[in-house]
PDB file of N, CA and C in Angstrom:
ATOM      1  N   MET A   1      78.509 -80.037 236.313  1.00  0.00           N
ATOM      2  CA  MET A   1      77.863 -80.997 237.187  1.00  0.00           C
ATOM      3  C   MET A   1      76.372 -81.110 236.852  1.00  0.00           C
ATOM      4  N   ASP A   2      75.793 -80.012 236.372  1.00  0.00           N
ATOM      5  CA  ASP A   2      74.376 -80.035 236.017  1.00  0.00           C
ATOM      6  C   ASP A   2      74.095 -80.969 234.843  1.00  0.00           C
ATOM      7  N   ALA A   3      75.134 -81.269 234.041  1.00  0.00           N
ATOM      8  CA  ALA A   3      74.952 -82.126 232.867  1.00  0.00           C
ATOM      9  C   ALA A   3      74.942 -83.605 233.223  1.00  0.00           C
ATOM     10  N   GLY A   4      75.267 -83.942 234.476  1.00  0.00           N
ATOM     11  CA  GLY A   4      75.207 -85.334 234.898  1.00  0.00           C
ATOM     12  C   GLY A   4      76.557 -86.002 235.104  1.00  0.00           C
ATOM     13  N   VAL A   5      77.638 -85.238 235.205  1.00  0.00           N
ATOM     14  CA  VAL A   5      78.935 -85.855 235.458  1.00  0.00           C
ATOM     15  C   VAL A   5      79.048 -86.230 236.934  1.00  0.00           C
ATOM     16  N   LEU A   6      79.886 -87.217 237.227  1.00  0.00           N
ATOM     17  CA  LEU A   6      80.076 -87.658 238.603  1.00  0.00           C
ATOM     18  C   LEU A   6      81.138 -86.833 239.311  1.00  0.00           C
ATOM     19  N   ASP A   7      82.159 -86.389 238.571  1.00  0.00           N
ATOM     20  CA  ASP A   7      83.223 -85.581 239.157  1.00  0.00           C
ATOM     21  C   ASP A   7      83.927 -84.802 238.055  1.00  0.00           C
ATOM     22  N   VAL A   8      84.489 -83.660 238.412  1.00  0.00           N
ATOM     23  CA  VAL A   8      85.250 -82.813 237.491  1.00  0.00           C
ATOM     24  C   VAL A   8      86.512 -82.369 238.211  1.00  0.00           C
ATOM     25  N   TRP A   9      87.641 -82.346 237.495  1.00  0.00           N
ATOM     26  CA  TRP A   9      88.879 -81.852 238.091  1.00  0.00           C
ATOM     27  C   TRP A   9      89.711 -81.171 237.016  1.00  0.00           C
ATOM     28  N   PHE A  10      90.691 -80.403 237.453  1.00  0.00           N
ATOM     29  CA  PHE A  10      91.574 -79.674 236.553  1.00  0.00           C
ATOM     30  C   PHE A  10      93.017 -79.987 236.928  1.00  0.00           C
ATOM     31  N   THR A  11      93.850 -80.245 235.927  1.00  0.00           N
ATOM     32  CA  THR A  11      95.254 -80.560 236.129  1.00  0.00           C
ATOM     33  C   THR A  11      96.109 -79.543 235.390  1.00  0.00           C
ATOM     34  N   ARG A  12      97.068 -78.945 236.094  1.00  0.00           N
ATOM     35  CA  ARG A  12      97.983 -78.013 235.432  1.00  0.00           C
ATOM     36  C   ARG A  12      98.977 -78.809 234.597  1.00  0.00           C
ATOM     37  N   ILE A  13      99.172 -78.391 233.352  1.00  0.00           N
ATOM     38  CA  ILE A  13     100.099 -79.081 232.449  1.00  0.00           C
ATOM     39  C   ILE A  13     100.972 -78.060 231.727  1.00  0.00           C
ATOM     40  N   GLN A  14     102.051 -78.549 231.111  1.00  0.00           N
ATOM     41  CA  GLN A  14     102.906 -77.736 230.252  1.00  0.00           C
ATOM     42  C   GLN A  14     102.677 -78.181 228.815  1.00  0.00           C
ATOM     43  N   GLN A  15     102.381 -77.249 227.944  1.00  0.00           N
ATOM     44  CA  GLN A  15     102.243 -77.547 226.526  1.00  0.00           C
ATOM     45  C   GLN A  15     103.600 -77.371 225.851  1.00  0.00           C
ATOM     46  N   LYS A  16     103.636 -77.587 224.547  1.00  0.00           N
ATOM     47  CA  LYS A  16     104.900 -77.377 223.839  1.00  0.00           C
ATOM     48  C   LYS A  16     105.321 -75.921 223.966  1.00  0.00           C
ATOM     49  N   LYS A  17     106.586 -75.690 223.864  1.00  0.00           N
ATOM     50  CA  LYS A  17     107.198 -74.372 224.037  1.00  0.00           C
ATOM     51  C   LYS A  17     106.970 -73.833 225.456  1.00  0.00           C
ATOM     52  N   ASN A  18     106.816 -74.757 226.409  1.00  0.00           N
ATOM     53  CA  ASN A  18     106.641 -74.423 227.835  1.00  0.00           C
ATOM     54  C   ASN A  18     105.450 -73.511 228.122  1.00  0.00           C
ATOM     55  N   ARG A  19     104.426 -73.613 227.343  1.00  0.00           N
ATOM     56  CA  ARG A  19     103.222 -72.822 227.598  1.00  0.00           C
ATOM     57  C   ARG A  19     102.411 -73.499 228.701  1.00  0.00           C
ATOM     58  N   PRO A  20     102.022 -72.754 229.727  1.00  0.00           N
ATOM     59  CA  PRO A  20     101.189 -73.348 230.778  1.00  0.00           C
ATOM     60  C   PRO A  20      99.757 -73.522 230.281  1.00  0.00           C
ATOM     61  N   ALA A  21      99.114 -74.553 230.789  1.00  0.00           N
ATOM     62  CA  ALA A  21      97.724 -74.816 230.411  1.00  0.00           C
ATOM     63  C   ALA A  21      97.040 -75.573 231.544  1.00  0.00           C
ATOM     64  N   VAL A  22      95.744 -75.711 231.417  1.00  0.00           N
ATOM     65  CA  VAL A  22      94.942 -76.478 232.370  1.00  0.00           C
ATOM     66  C   VAL A  22      94.156 -77.516 231.590  1.00  0.00           C
ATOM     67  N   LYS A  23      94.267 -78.774 232.019  1.00  0.00           N
ATOM     68  CA  LYS A  23      93.562 -79.871 231.360  1.00  0.00           C
ATOM     69  C   LYS A  23      92.378 -80.289 232.229  1.00  0.00           C
ATOM     70  N   PRO A  24      91.157 -80.149 231.732  1.00  0.00           N
ATOM     71  CA  PRO A  24      90.000 -80.593 232.514  1.00  0.00           C
ATOM     72  C   PRO A  24      89.822 -82.104 232.412  1.00  0.00           C
ATOM     73  N   GLY A  25      89.366 -82.712 233.495  1.00  0.00           N
ATOM     74  CA  GLY A  25      89.029 -84.128 233.506  1.00  0.00           C
ATOM     75  C   GLY A  25      87.603 -84.298 233.984  1.00  0.00           C
ATOM     76  N   VAL A  26      86.925 -85.292 233.436  1.00  0.00           N
ATOM     77  CA  VAL A  26      85.525 -85.538 233.784  1.00  0.00           C
ATOM     78  C   VAL A  26      85.333 -87.028 234.017  1.00  0.00           C
ATOM     79  N   LEU A  27      84.641 -87.377 235.080  1.00  0.00           N
ATOM     80  CA  LEU A  27      84.274 -88.750 235.369  1.00  0.00           C
ATOM     81  C   LEU A  27      82.769 -88.871 235.170  1.00  0.00           C
ATOM     82  N   CYS A  28      82.362 -89.836 234.345  1.00  0.00           N
ATOM     83  CA  CYS A  28      80.929 -90.012 234.077  1.00  0.00           C
ATOM     84  C   CYS A  28      80.635 -91.480 233.820  1.00  0.00           C
ATOM     85  N   LEU A  29      79.375 -91.802 233.771  1.00  0.00           N
ATOM     86  CA  LEU A  29      78.947 -93.151 233.414  1.00  0.00           C
ATOM     87  C   LEU A  29      79.175 -93.375 231.931  1.00  0.00           C
ATOM     88  N   ALA A  30      79.468 -94.616 231.544  1.00  0.00           N
ATOM     89  CA  ALA A  30      79.708 -94.936 230.133  1.00  0.00           C
ATOM     90  C   ALA A  30      78.504 -94.566 229.271  1.00  0.00           C
ATOM     91  N   THR A  31      77.313 -94.679 229.830  1.00  0.00           N
ATOM     92  CA  THR A  31      76.107 -94.370 229.060  1.00  0.00           C
ATOM     93  C   THR A  31      75.978 -92.880 228.757  1.00  0.00           C
ATOM     94  N   ASP A  32      76.690 -92.035 229.523  1.00  0.00           N
ATOM     95  CA  ASP A  32      76.635 -90.588 229.314  1.00  0.00           C
ATOM     96  C   ASP A  32      77.817 -90.048 228.519  1.00  0.00           C
ATOM     97  N   ALA A  33      78.806 -90.877 228.210  1.00  0.00           N
ATOM     98  CA  ALA A  33      80.059 -90.411 227.611  1.00  0.00           C
ATOM     99  C   ALA A  33      79.840 -89.697 226.279  1.00  0.00           C
ATOM    100  N   ASP A  34      79.084 -90.271 225.381  1.00  0.00           N
ATOM    101  CA  ASP A  34      78.882 -89.651 224.069  1.00  0.00           C
ATOM    102  C   ASP A  34      78.168 -88.305 224.190  1.00  0.00           C
ATOM    103  N   ARG A  35      77.154 -88.250 225.017  1.00  0.00           N
ATOM    104  CA  ARG A  35      76.403 -87.004 225.196  1.00  0.00           C
ATOM    105  C   ARG A  35      77.277 -85.912 225.797  1.00  0.00           C
ATOM    106  N   LEU A  36      78.080 -86.264 226.807  1.00  0.00           N
ATOM    107  CA  LEU A  36      78.939 -85.282 227.451  1.00  0.00           C
ATOM    108  C   LEU A  36      80.097 -84.855 226.546  1.00  0.00           C
ATOM    109  N   ALA A  37      80.624 -85.777 225.737  1.00  0.00           N
ATOM    110  CA  ALA A  37      81.674 -85.417 224.780  1.00  0.00           C
ATOM    111  C   ALA A  37      81.123 -84.428 223.758  1.00  0.00           C
ATOM    112  N   TYR A  38      79.937 -84.683 223.258  1.00  0.00           N
ATOM    113  CA  TYR A  38      79.301 -83.769 222.312  1.00  0.00           C
ATOM    114  C   TYR A  38      79.108 -82.396 222.948  1.00  0.00           C
ATOM    115  N   LEU A  39      78.634 -82.369 224.176  1.00  0.00           N
ATOM    116  CA  LEU A  39      78.421 -81.111 224.889  1.00  0.00           C
ATOM    117  C   LEU A  39      79.737 -80.350 225.055  1.00  0.00           C
ATOM    118  N   ARG A  40      80.802 -81.057 225.405  1.00  0.00           N
ATOM    119  CA  ARG A  40      82.119 -80.419 225.570  1.00  0.00           C
ATOM    120  C   ARG A  40      82.616 -79.830 224.255  1.00  0.00           C
ATOM    121  N   LEU A  41      82.414 -80.544 223.150  1.00  0.00           N
ATOM    122  CA  LEU A  41      82.851 -80.042 221.846  1.00  0.00           C
ATOM    123  C   LEU A  41      82.039 -78.828 221.402  1.00  0.00           C
ATOM    124  N   ILE A  42      80.770 -78.807 221.733  1.00  0.00           N
ATOM    125  CA  ILE A  42      79.903 -77.677 221.369  1.00  0.00           C
ATOM    126  C   ILE A  42      80.216 -76.451 222.220  1.00  0.00           C
ATOM    127  N   GLU A  43      80.436 -76.643 223.519  1.00  0.00           N
ATOM    128  CA  GLU A  43      80.554 -75.539 224.473  1.00  0.00           C
ATOM    129  C   GLU A  43      81.968 -74.990 224.644  1.00  0.00           C
ATOM    130  N   SER A  44      82.957 -75.554 223.963  1.00  0.00           N
ATOM    131  CA  SER A  44      84.337 -75.085 224.146  1.00  0.00           C
ATOM    132  C   SER A  44      85.032 -74.993 222.786  1.00  0.00           C
ATOM    133  N   PRO A  45      86.178 -74.309 222.742  1.00  0.00           N
ATOM    134  CA  PRO A  45      86.901 -74.181 221.475  1.00  0.00           C
ATOM    135  C   PRO A  45      87.714 -75.425 221.106  1.00  0.00           C
ATOM    136  N   THR A  46      87.725 -76.444 221.953  1.00  0.00           N
ATOM    137  CA  THR A  46      88.538 -77.623 221.677  1.00  0.00           C
ATOM    138  C   THR A  46      88.078 -78.332 220.402  1.00  0.00           C
ATOM    139  N   LEU A  47      89.023 -78.940 219.702  1.00  0.00           N
ATOM    140  CA  LEU A  47      88.726 -79.658 218.467  1.00  0.00           C
ATOM    141  C   LEU A  47      88.647 -81.161 218.671  1.00  0.00           C
ATOM    142  N   GLY A  48      89.066 -81.640 219.831  1.00  0.00           N
ATOM    143  CA  GLY A  48      89.034 -83.076 220.066  1.00  0.00           C
ATOM    144  C   GLY A  48      89.139 -83.417 221.537  1.00  0.00           C
ATOM    145  N   LEU A  49      88.765 -84.639 221.845  1.00  0.00           N
ATOM    146  CA  LEU A  49      88.790 -85.141 223.221  1.00  0.00           C
ATOM    147  C   LEU A  49      89.433 -86.513 223.237  1.00  0.00           C
ATOM    148  N   ARG A  50      90.022 -86.852 224.356  1.00  0.00           N
ATOM    149  CA  ARG A  50      90.503 -88.209 224.570  1.00  0.00           C
ATOM    150  C   ARG A  50      89.566 -88.873 225.573  1.00  0.00           C
ATOM    151  N   LEU A  51      89.027 -90.011 225.207  1.00  0.00           N
ATOM    152  CA  LEU A  51      88.134 -90.749 226.102  1.00  0.00           C
ATOM    153  C   LEU A  51      88.854 -91.991 226.592  1.00  0.00           C
ATOM    154  N   GLN A  52      88.722 -92.268 227.870  1.00  0.00           N
ATOM    155  CA  GLN A  52      89.333 -93.449 228.459  1.00  0.00           C
ATOM    156  C   GLN A  52      88.295 -94.148 229.317  1.00  0.00           C
ATOM    157  N   ARG A  53      88.075 -95.401 229.043  1.00  0.00           N
ATOM    158  CA  ARG A  53      87.106 -96.171 229.824  1.00  0.00           C
ATOM    159  C   ARG A  53      87.845 -96.900 230.937  1.00  0.00           C
ATOM    160  N   ILE A  54      87.313 -96.811 232.149  1.00  0.00           N
ATOM    161  CA  ILE A  54      87.896 -97.496 233.298  1.00  0.00           C
ATOM    162  C   ILE A  54      86.794 -98.237 234.034  1.00  0.00           C
ATOM    163  N   GLU A  55      87.189 -99.217 234.805  1.00  0.00           N
ATOM    164  CA  GLU A  55      86.220 -99.963 235.596  1.00  0.00           C
ATOM    165  C   GLU A  55      86.230 -99.445 237.028  1.00  0.00           C
ATOM    166  N   ARG A  56      85.114 -99.589 237.681  1.00  0.00           N
ATOM    167  CA  ARG A  56      84.963 -99.129 239.055  1.00  0.00           C
ATOM    168  C   ARG A  56      84.440-100.276 239.905  1.00  0.00           C
ATOM    169  N   VAL A  57      85.060-100.490 241.048  1.00  0.00           N
ATOM    170  CA  VAL A  57      84.609-101.495 242.010  1.00  0.00           C
ATOM    171  C   VAL A  57      84.063-100.738 243.212  1.00  0.00           C
ATOM    172  N   VAL A  58      82.851-101.062 243.608  1.00  0.00           N
ATOM    173  CA  VAL A  58      82.195-100.338 244.690  1.00  0.00           C
ATOM    174  C   VAL A  58      81.782-101.323 245.781  1.00  0.00           C
ATOM    175  N   ALA A  59      82.124-100.993 247.023  1.00  0.00           N
ATOM    176  CA  ALA A  59      81.685-101.805 248.159  1.00  0.00           C
ATOM    177  C   ALA A  59      80.221-101.492 248.455  1.00  0.00           C
ATOM    178  N   GLN A  60      79.524-102.463 248.960  1.00  0.00           N
ATOM    179  CA  GLN A  60      78.136-102.255 249.363  1.00  0.00           C
ATOM    180  C   GLN A  60      78.123-101.478 250.672  1.00  0.00           C
ATOM    181  N   ARG A  61      77.145-100.601 250.814  1.00  0.00           N
ATOM    182  CA  ARG A  61      77.022 -99.809 252.035  1.00  0.00           C
ATOM    183  C   ARG A  61      75.666-100.051 252.671  1.00  0.00           C
ATOM    184  N   ALA A  62      75.651-100.039 253.969  1.00  0.00           N
ATOM    185  CA  ALA A  62      74.395-100.150 254.708  1.00  0.00           C
ATOM    186  C   ALA A  62      74.437 -99.118 255.832  1.00  0.00           C
ATOM    187  N   LEU A  63      73.294 -98.592 256.156  1.00  0.00           N
ATOM    188  CA  LEU A  63      73.179 -97.625 257.244  1.00  0.00           C
ATOM    189  C   LEU A  63      72.459 -98.279 258.415  1.00  0.00           C
ATOM    190  N   CYS A  64      72.959 -98.015 259.621  1.00  0.00           N
ATOM    191  CA  CYS A  64      72.272 -98.508 260.819  1.00  0.00           C
ATOM    192  C   CYS A  64      72.416 -97.453 261.912  1.00  0.00           C
ATOM    193  N   THR A  65      71.794 -97.689 263.019  1.00  0.00           N
ATOM    194  CA  THR A  65      71.842 -96.756 264.143  1.00  0.00           C
ATOM    195  C   THR A  65      72.484 -97.437 265.337  1.00  0.00           C
ATOM    196  N   ALA A  66      73.431 -96.745 265.955  1.00  0.00           N
ATOM    197  CA  ALA A  66      74.073 -97.257 267.167  1.00  0.00           C
ATOM    198  C   ALA A  66      73.634 -96.389 268.345  1.00  0.00           C
ATOM    199  N   GLU A  67      73.304 -97.046 269.440  1.00  0.00           N
ATOM    200  CA  GLU A  67      72.906 -96.319 270.646  1.00  0.00           C
ATOM    201  C   GLU A  67      74.158 -95.916 271.428  1.00  0.00           C
ATOM    202  N   THR A  68      74.223 -94.659 271.821  1.00  0.00           N
ATOM    203  CA  THR A  68      75.325 -94.149 272.632  1.00  0.00           C
ATOM    204  C   THR A  68      74.741 -93.489 273.880  1.00  0.00           C
ATOM    205  N   PRO A  69      75.576 -93.186 274.878  1.00  0.00           N
ATOM    206  CA  PRO A  69      75.072 -92.490 276.071  1.00  0.00           C
ATOM    207  C   PRO A  69      74.440 -91.139 275.738  1.00  0.00           C
ATOM    208  N   ARG A  70      74.813 -90.544 274.620  1.00  0.00           N
ATOM    209  CA  ARG A  70      74.257 -89.244 274.219  1.00  0.00           C
ATOM    210  C   ARG A  70      73.091 -89.376 273.234  1.00  0.00           C
ATOM    211  N   GLY A  71      72.698 -90.597 272.947  1.00  0.00           N
ATOM    212  CA  GLY A  71      71.583 -90.812 272.034  1.00  0.00           C
ATOM    213  C   GLY A  71      72.003 -91.596 270.804  1.00  0.00           C
ATOM    214  N   PRO A  72      71.056 -91.844 269.894  1.00  0.00           N
ATOM    215  CA  PRO A  72      71.357 -92.635 268.705  1.00  0.00           C
ATOM    216  C   PRO A  72      72.266 -91.883 267.724  1.00  0.00           C
ATOM    217  N   VAL A  73      73.150 -92.650 267.059  1.00  0.00           N
ATOM    218  CA  VAL A  73      74.085 -92.100 266.075  1.00  0.00           C
ATOM    219  C   VAL A  73      74.010 -92.958 264.821  1.00  0.00           C
ATOM    220  N   GLY A  74      73.958 -92.315 263.652  1.00  0.00           N
ATOM    221  CA  GLY A  74      73.976 -93.048 262.398  1.00  0.00           C
ATOM    222  C   GLY A  74      75.360 -93.616 262.122  1.00  0.00           C
ATOM    223  N   VAL A  75      75.401 -94.862 261.663  1.00  0.00           N
ATOM    224  CA  VAL A  75      76.664 -95.542 261.367  1.00  0.00           C
ATOM    225  C   VAL A  75      76.578 -96.130 259.965  1.00  0.00           C
ATOM    226  N   LYS A  76      77.659 -95.954 259.184  1.00  0.00           N
ATOM    227  CA  LYS A  76      77.745 -96.571 257.865  1.00  0.00           C
ATOM    228  C   LYS A  76      78.543 -97.868 257.992  1.00  0.00           C
ATOM    229  N   LEU A  77      78.059 -98.919 257.353  1.00  0.00           N
ATOM    230  CA  LEU A  77      78.749-100.199 257.337  1.00  0.00           C
ATOM    231  C   LEU A  77      79.219-100.491 255.916  1.00  0.00           C
ATOM    232  N   LYS A  78      80.487-100.892 255.768  1.00  0.00           N
ATOM    233  CA  LYS A  78      81.011-101.279 254.458  1.00  0.00           C
ATOM    234  C   LYS A  78      81.013-102.797 254.389  1.00  0.00           C
ATOM    235  N   GLU A  79      80.382-103.334 253.339  1.00  0.00           N
ATOM    236  CA  GLU A  79      80.275-104.781 253.172  1.00  0.00           C
ATOM    237  C   GLU A  79      81.002-105.224 251.916  1.00  0.00           C
ATOM    238  N   LEU A  80      81.794-106.276 252.047  1.00  0.00           N
ATOM    239  CA  LEU A  80      82.450-106.918 250.913  1.00  0.00           C
ATOM    240  C   LEU A  80      82.195-108.413 251.007  1.00  0.00           C
ATOM    241  N   GLY A  81      81.650-108.986 249.976  1.00  0.00           N
ATOM    242  CA  GLY A  81      81.370-110.408 249.977  1.00  0.00           C
ATOM    243  C   GLY A  81      80.419-110.837 251.068  1.00  0.00           C
ATOM    244  N   GLY A  82      79.491-109.954 251.433  1.00  0.00           N
ATOM    245  CA  GLY A  82      78.515-110.290 252.461  1.00  0.00           C
ATOM    246  C   GLY A  82      79.021-110.129 253.875  1.00  0.00           C
ATOM    247  N   GLN A  83      80.275-109.685 254.058  1.00  0.00           N
ATOM    248  CA  GLN A  83      80.829-109.512 255.400  1.00  0.00           C
ATOM    249  C   GLN A  83      81.079-108.025 255.663  1.00  0.00           C
ATOM    250  N   ILE A  84      80.808-107.582 256.866  1.00  0.00           N
ATOM    251  CA  ILE A  84      81.086-106.209 257.248  1.00  0.00           C
ATOM    252  C   ILE A  84      82.586-106.087 257.498  1.00  0.00           C
ATOM    253  N   VAL A  85      83.241-105.178 256.774  1.00  0.00           N
ATOM    254  CA  VAL A  85      84.689-105.015 256.904  1.00  0.00           C
ATOM    255  C   VAL A  85      85.080-103.697 257.534  1.00  0.00           C
ATOM    256  N   ALA A  86      84.164-102.744 257.648  1.00  0.00           N
ATOM    257  CA  ALA A  86      84.487-101.459 258.274  1.00  0.00           C
ATOM    258  C   ALA A  86      83.209-100.779 258.727  1.00  0.00           C
ATOM    259  N   ARG A  87      83.364 -99.949 259.765  1.00  0.00           N
ATOM    260  CA  ARG A  87      82.264 -99.123 260.269  1.00  0.00           C
ATOM    261  C   ARG A  87      82.766 -97.691 260.355  1.00  0.00           C
ATOM    262  N   SER A  88      81.899 -96.748 260.031  1.00  0.00           N
ATOM    263  CA  SER A  88      82.287 -95.332 260.179  1.00  0.00           C
ATOM    264  C   SER A  88      81.065 -94.501 260.510  1.00  0.00           C
TER     265      SER A  88
END
């Protein structure tokens, strides 16, 4: 995470001859992919990596304050196409 990745996860897999293994996954910005791939190759015994580019759609978020009988509470608003579609 210190290298600038957005998320890291591990998936249990079976290799050939039923050998158990763990496959790491990393989510990062496209601009960081080459640097992080190089770092992974340097810091581990692996000889190769598979890179997959995906697109991400992100809703706009806004923060506001709602008054309650117990005082003000922060509220997150989710906006899509300029319209508020959810509050949390």
